[in-house]
N, C-alpha and C. Protein backbone atom coordinates (compact mmCIF):
# COMPACT_ATOMS: atom_id res chain seq x y z
N MET A 1 50.64 118.94 90.47
CA MET A 1 50.85 119.85 89.37
C MET A 1 52.33 120.22 89.33
N LEU A 2 52.89 120.24 88.15
CA LEU A 2 54.28 120.61 87.93
C LEU A 2 54.32 121.85 87.03
N LEU A 3 55.03 122.86 87.49
CA LEU A 3 55.23 124.07 86.69
C LEU A 3 56.64 124.01 86.11
N VAL A 4 56.75 124.17 84.80
CA VAL A 4 58.04 124.16 84.11
C VAL A 4 58.21 125.49 83.39
N ILE A 5 59.30 126.17 83.70
CA ILE A 5 59.63 127.43 83.01
C ILE A 5 61.01 127.23 82.40
N THR A 6 61.10 127.43 81.12
CA THR A 6 62.39 127.30 80.45
C THR A 6 62.45 128.26 79.27
N GLY A 7 63.63 128.56 78.86
CA GLY A 7 63.79 129.45 77.71
C GLY A 7 65.25 129.69 77.44
N GLU A 8 65.52 130.26 76.33
CA GLU A 8 66.90 130.59 75.99
C GLU A 8 67.23 131.95 76.59
N MET A 9 67.80 131.91 77.77
CA MET A 9 68.05 133.15 78.50
C MET A 9 69.51 133.55 78.51
N GLY A 10 70.41 132.64 78.14
CA GLY A 10 71.84 132.96 78.19
C GLY A 10 72.31 133.64 76.93
N ARG A 11 73.03 134.70 77.09
CA ARG A 11 73.62 135.40 75.94
C ARG A 11 75.08 135.67 76.23
N SER A 12 75.84 135.83 75.17
CA SER A 12 77.26 136.10 75.35
C SER A 12 77.46 137.49 75.94
N PRO A 13 78.54 137.67 76.69
CA PRO A 13 78.80 138.99 77.28
C PRO A 13 79.26 140.03 76.26
N SER A 14 79.62 139.58 75.06
CA SER A 14 80.04 140.54 74.03
C SER A 14 79.48 140.12 72.69
N LYS A 15 79.30 141.07 71.81
CA LYS A 15 78.82 140.79 70.46
C LYS A 15 79.94 141.07 69.48
N GLY A 16 80.53 139.98 69.01
CA GLY A 16 81.57 140.13 68.00
C GLY A 16 80.98 140.14 66.61
N LYS A 17 81.82 140.32 65.64
CA LYS A 17 81.38 140.41 64.25
C LYS A 17 80.66 139.15 63.78
N ASN A 18 81.10 137.96 64.24
CA ASN A 18 80.52 136.70 63.78
C ASN A 18 79.70 135.99 64.85
N ASP A 19 79.26 136.70 65.86
CA ASP A 19 78.54 136.07 66.97
C ASP A 19 77.06 135.85 66.70
N GLY A 20 76.53 136.36 65.64
CA GLY A 20 75.09 136.25 65.42
C GLY A 20 74.35 136.98 66.53
N THR A 21 73.37 136.31 67.12
CA THR A 21 72.62 136.94 68.22
C THR A 21 73.29 136.71 69.56
N GLY A 22 74.36 135.92 69.58
CA GLY A 22 75.09 135.71 70.82
C GLY A 22 74.46 134.67 71.73
N HIS A 23 73.54 133.87 71.24
CA HIS A 23 72.90 132.86 72.08
C HIS A 23 73.83 131.68 72.32
N HIS A 24 73.70 131.07 73.49
CA HIS A 24 74.47 129.88 73.83
C HIS A 24 73.55 128.67 73.82
N ALA A 25 73.64 127.87 72.78
CA ALA A 25 72.74 126.72 72.62
C ALA A 25 72.99 125.62 73.64
N ASP A 26 74.15 125.58 74.27
CA ASP A 26 74.48 124.52 75.21
C ASP A 26 74.01 124.79 76.63
N LEU A 27 73.35 125.91 76.86
CA LEU A 27 72.96 126.26 78.22
C LEU A 27 71.57 126.89 78.20
N THR A 28 70.63 126.25 78.91
CA THR A 28 69.28 126.77 79.01
C THR A 28 68.81 126.65 80.44
N PRO A 29 68.52 127.73 81.10
CA PRO A 29 68.02 127.65 82.47
C PRO A 29 66.62 127.04 82.54
N LEU A 30 66.38 126.28 83.59
CA LEU A 30 65.06 125.69 83.86
C LEU A 30 64.63 126.09 85.25
N VAL A 31 63.35 126.31 85.42
CA VAL A 31 62.76 126.51 86.73
C VAL A 31 61.63 125.49 86.84
N LEU A 32 61.70 124.63 87.85
CA LEU A 32 60.66 123.62 88.07
C LEU A 32 60.08 123.84 89.45
N ALA A 33 58.76 123.71 89.57
CA ALA A 33 58.11 123.87 90.87
C ALA A 33 56.97 122.87 90.98
N GLY A 34 56.87 122.25 92.14
CA GLY A 34 55.78 121.31 92.40
C GLY A 34 56.06 119.93 91.87
N GLY A 35 55.01 119.18 91.58
CA GLY A 35 55.14 117.85 91.02
C GLY A 35 55.71 116.82 91.98
N GLY A 36 55.80 117.15 93.26
CA GLY A 36 56.38 116.22 94.22
C GLY A 36 57.89 116.15 94.17
N LEU A 37 58.50 117.08 93.45
CA LEU A 37 59.96 117.09 93.33
C LEU A 37 60.60 117.79 94.52
N LYS A 38 61.89 117.51 94.73
CA LYS A 38 62.65 118.18 95.79
C LYS A 38 62.91 119.63 95.34
N MET A 39 62.40 120.56 96.10
CA MET A 39 62.50 121.98 95.73
C MET A 39 63.62 122.66 96.53
N GLY A 40 63.87 123.92 96.18
CA GLY A 40 64.81 124.75 96.92
C GLY A 40 66.26 124.44 96.66
N GLN A 41 66.60 124.08 95.45
CA GLN A 41 67.98 123.76 95.13
C GLN A 41 68.36 124.28 93.76
N VAL A 42 69.64 124.47 93.58
CA VAL A 42 70.19 124.82 92.27
C VAL A 42 70.97 123.60 91.81
N ILE A 43 70.69 123.16 90.61
CA ILE A 43 71.35 121.97 90.06
C ILE A 43 72.16 122.42 88.85
N GLY A 44 73.42 122.15 88.87
CA GLY A 44 74.29 122.49 87.76
C GLY A 44 74.92 123.86 87.90
N LYS A 45 75.93 124.05 87.10
CA LYS A 45 76.69 125.31 87.14
C LYS A 45 77.25 125.58 85.75
N SER A 46 77.24 126.85 85.38
CA SER A 46 77.81 127.23 84.09
C SER A 46 79.24 127.74 84.30
N GLY A 47 79.96 127.82 83.20
CA GLY A 47 81.32 128.35 83.24
C GLY A 47 81.31 129.86 83.44
N LYS A 48 82.48 130.42 83.47
CA LYS A 48 82.67 131.85 83.76
C LYS A 48 81.88 132.76 82.82
N THR A 49 81.77 132.37 81.55
CA THR A 49 81.07 133.21 80.58
C THR A 49 79.59 132.86 80.45
N GLY A 50 79.15 131.81 81.13
CA GLY A 50 77.75 131.41 81.04
C GLY A 50 77.41 130.74 79.72
N SER A 51 78.41 130.22 79.03
CA SER A 51 78.15 129.64 77.71
C SER A 51 78.08 128.12 77.70
N LYS A 52 78.68 127.47 78.67
CA LYS A 52 78.72 126.00 78.71
C LYS A 52 78.55 125.53 80.15
N PRO A 53 77.95 124.34 80.34
CA PRO A 53 77.87 123.78 81.68
C PRO A 53 79.25 123.25 82.10
N VAL A 54 79.57 123.39 83.39
CA VAL A 54 80.81 122.83 83.92
C VAL A 54 80.52 121.64 84.83
N THR A 55 79.25 121.39 85.10
CA THR A 55 78.84 120.20 85.83
C THR A 55 78.09 119.31 84.85
N LYS A 56 77.46 118.27 85.34
CA LYS A 56 76.72 117.35 84.46
C LYS A 56 75.76 118.14 83.58
N ALA A 57 75.80 117.86 82.29
CA ALA A 57 74.93 118.56 81.34
C ALA A 57 73.62 117.80 81.19
N TYR A 58 72.52 118.45 81.51
CA TYR A 58 71.20 117.86 81.29
C TYR A 58 70.67 118.36 79.96
N LYS A 59 69.99 117.48 79.26
CA LYS A 59 69.50 117.78 77.92
C LYS A 59 67.97 117.74 77.89
N PRO A 60 67.35 118.12 76.78
CA PRO A 60 65.89 118.09 76.70
C PRO A 60 65.28 116.73 77.05
N GLU A 61 65.96 115.65 76.71
CA GLU A 61 65.41 114.33 77.03
C GLU A 61 65.37 114.08 78.54
N HIS A 62 66.27 114.71 79.30
CA HIS A 62 66.23 114.60 80.76
C HIS A 62 65.01 115.36 81.32
N LEU A 63 64.73 116.52 80.74
CA LEU A 63 63.55 117.28 81.17
C LEU A 63 62.29 116.49 80.84
N LEU A 64 62.20 115.92 79.65
CA LEU A 64 61.04 115.13 79.25
C LEU A 64 60.85 113.95 80.21
N ALA A 65 61.92 113.24 80.51
CA ALA A 65 61.83 112.10 81.43
C ALA A 65 61.38 112.56 82.82
N THR A 66 61.85 113.71 83.27
CA THR A 66 61.45 114.25 84.57
C THR A 66 59.95 114.55 84.58
N VAL A 67 59.47 115.21 83.55
CA VAL A 67 58.04 115.53 83.47
C VAL A 67 57.21 114.25 83.44
N LEU A 68 57.61 113.29 82.61
CA LEU A 68 56.85 112.04 82.51
C LEU A 68 56.86 111.27 83.83
N HIS A 69 57.97 111.30 84.54
CA HIS A 69 58.05 110.60 85.83
C HIS A 69 57.17 111.27 86.89
N THR A 70 56.89 112.54 86.76
CA THR A 70 55.97 113.18 87.71
C THR A 70 54.51 112.90 87.34
N MET A 71 54.27 112.57 86.07
CA MET A 71 52.90 112.34 85.61
C MET A 71 52.46 110.88 85.74
N PHE A 72 53.41 109.95 85.59
CA PHE A 72 53.07 108.53 85.53
C PHE A 72 53.92 107.74 86.51
N ASP A 73 53.33 106.73 87.11
CA ASP A 73 54.06 105.79 87.97
C ASP A 73 54.66 104.73 87.06
N ALA A 74 55.99 104.69 86.98
CA ALA A 74 56.67 103.77 86.05
C ALA A 74 56.34 102.32 86.35
N SER A 75 56.14 101.94 87.61
CA SER A 75 55.83 100.54 87.92
C SER A 75 54.48 100.13 87.35
N ILE A 76 53.51 101.03 87.35
CA ILE A 76 52.21 100.73 86.77
C ILE A 76 52.30 100.64 85.25
N VAL A 77 53.09 101.52 84.64
CA VAL A 77 53.26 101.50 83.19
C VAL A 77 53.93 100.19 82.77
N ARG A 78 54.94 99.73 83.55
CA ARG A 78 55.62 98.48 83.22
C ARG A 78 54.69 97.27 83.30
N THR A 79 53.84 97.24 84.31
CA THR A 79 52.97 96.08 84.52
C THR A 79 51.69 96.15 83.69
N ASN A 80 51.38 97.30 83.14
CA ASN A 80 50.16 97.47 82.37
C ASN A 80 50.46 98.28 81.11
N PRO A 81 51.25 97.72 80.18
CA PRO A 81 51.72 98.50 79.03
C PRO A 81 50.62 99.02 78.11
N ALA A 82 49.42 98.49 78.20
CA ALA A 82 48.34 98.95 77.31
C ALA A 82 47.80 100.31 77.73
N LEU A 83 48.24 100.83 78.89
CA LEU A 83 47.74 102.12 79.37
C LEU A 83 48.14 103.29 78.46
N LEU A 84 49.31 103.18 77.86
CA LEU A 84 49.86 104.28 77.07
C LEU A 84 50.40 103.77 75.74
N PRO A 85 50.55 104.66 74.77
CA PRO A 85 51.22 104.25 73.53
C PRO A 85 52.63 103.74 73.85
N ALA A 86 53.12 102.80 73.06
CA ALA A 86 54.42 102.17 73.30
C ALA A 86 55.56 103.18 73.40
N GLU A 87 55.53 104.23 72.57
CA GLU A 87 56.61 105.22 72.57
C GLU A 87 56.66 105.98 73.90
N VAL A 88 55.49 106.31 74.43
CA VAL A 88 55.42 107.03 75.71
C VAL A 88 55.86 106.12 76.85
N ALA A 89 55.39 104.87 76.84
CA ALA A 89 55.79 103.92 77.87
C ALA A 89 57.30 103.71 77.86
N LYS A 90 57.89 103.65 76.67
CA LYS A 90 59.35 103.49 76.55
C LYS A 90 60.08 104.69 77.16
N LEU A 91 59.59 105.89 76.89
CA LEU A 91 60.21 107.09 77.47
C LEU A 91 60.14 107.07 79.00
N ILE A 92 59.02 106.63 79.54
CA ILE A 92 58.85 106.58 80.99
C ILE A 92 59.78 105.53 81.59
N ASN A 93 59.82 104.36 80.99
CA ASN A 93 60.60 103.26 81.54
C ASN A 93 62.10 103.39 81.30
N ASN A 94 62.51 104.03 80.22
CA ASN A 94 63.93 104.10 79.87
C ASN A 94 64.53 105.49 80.01
N GLY A 95 63.69 106.50 80.18
CA GLY A 95 64.21 107.87 80.28
C GLY A 95 65.00 108.08 81.56
N GLN A 96 65.92 109.03 81.51
CA GLN A 96 66.75 109.38 82.66
C GLN A 96 66.34 110.75 83.18
N PRO A 97 65.48 110.78 84.20
CA PRO A 97 65.08 112.08 84.75
C PRO A 97 66.24 112.75 85.49
N ILE A 98 66.07 113.99 85.83
CA ILE A 98 67.08 114.74 86.59
C ILE A 98 67.06 114.18 88.01
N SER A 99 68.04 113.35 88.33
CA SER A 99 68.03 112.54 89.54
C SER A 99 67.98 113.38 90.83
N GLU A 100 68.58 114.54 90.83
CA GLU A 100 68.60 115.38 92.04
C GLU A 100 67.22 115.86 92.45
N LEU A 101 66.25 115.77 91.55
CA LEU A 101 64.90 116.24 91.86
C LEU A 101 64.02 115.18 92.51
N PHE A 102 64.51 113.95 92.60
CA PHE A 102 63.70 112.86 93.14
C PHE A 102 64.25 112.36 94.46
């Protein structure tokens, strides 16, 4: 079982006239637990204001690939493509999961 917690938790430290709600779209914290992943680590770092990543930026497609890699064995999907729809098999075989978790 894999638990995934994510959300838009970063906000700007100040609210200027044109800041809108102050959300930072380039930074979203994730909490992952279980799924056979390597636990007990922090991956990535944000800048001083918490608005942008200063290390490798992971995107939603990396999270999706990570989840799919915990659910399916890619070698079985490759050798038995009829198990899943082609689009899902392609995501499993070609997706780039968050490498530090494996």
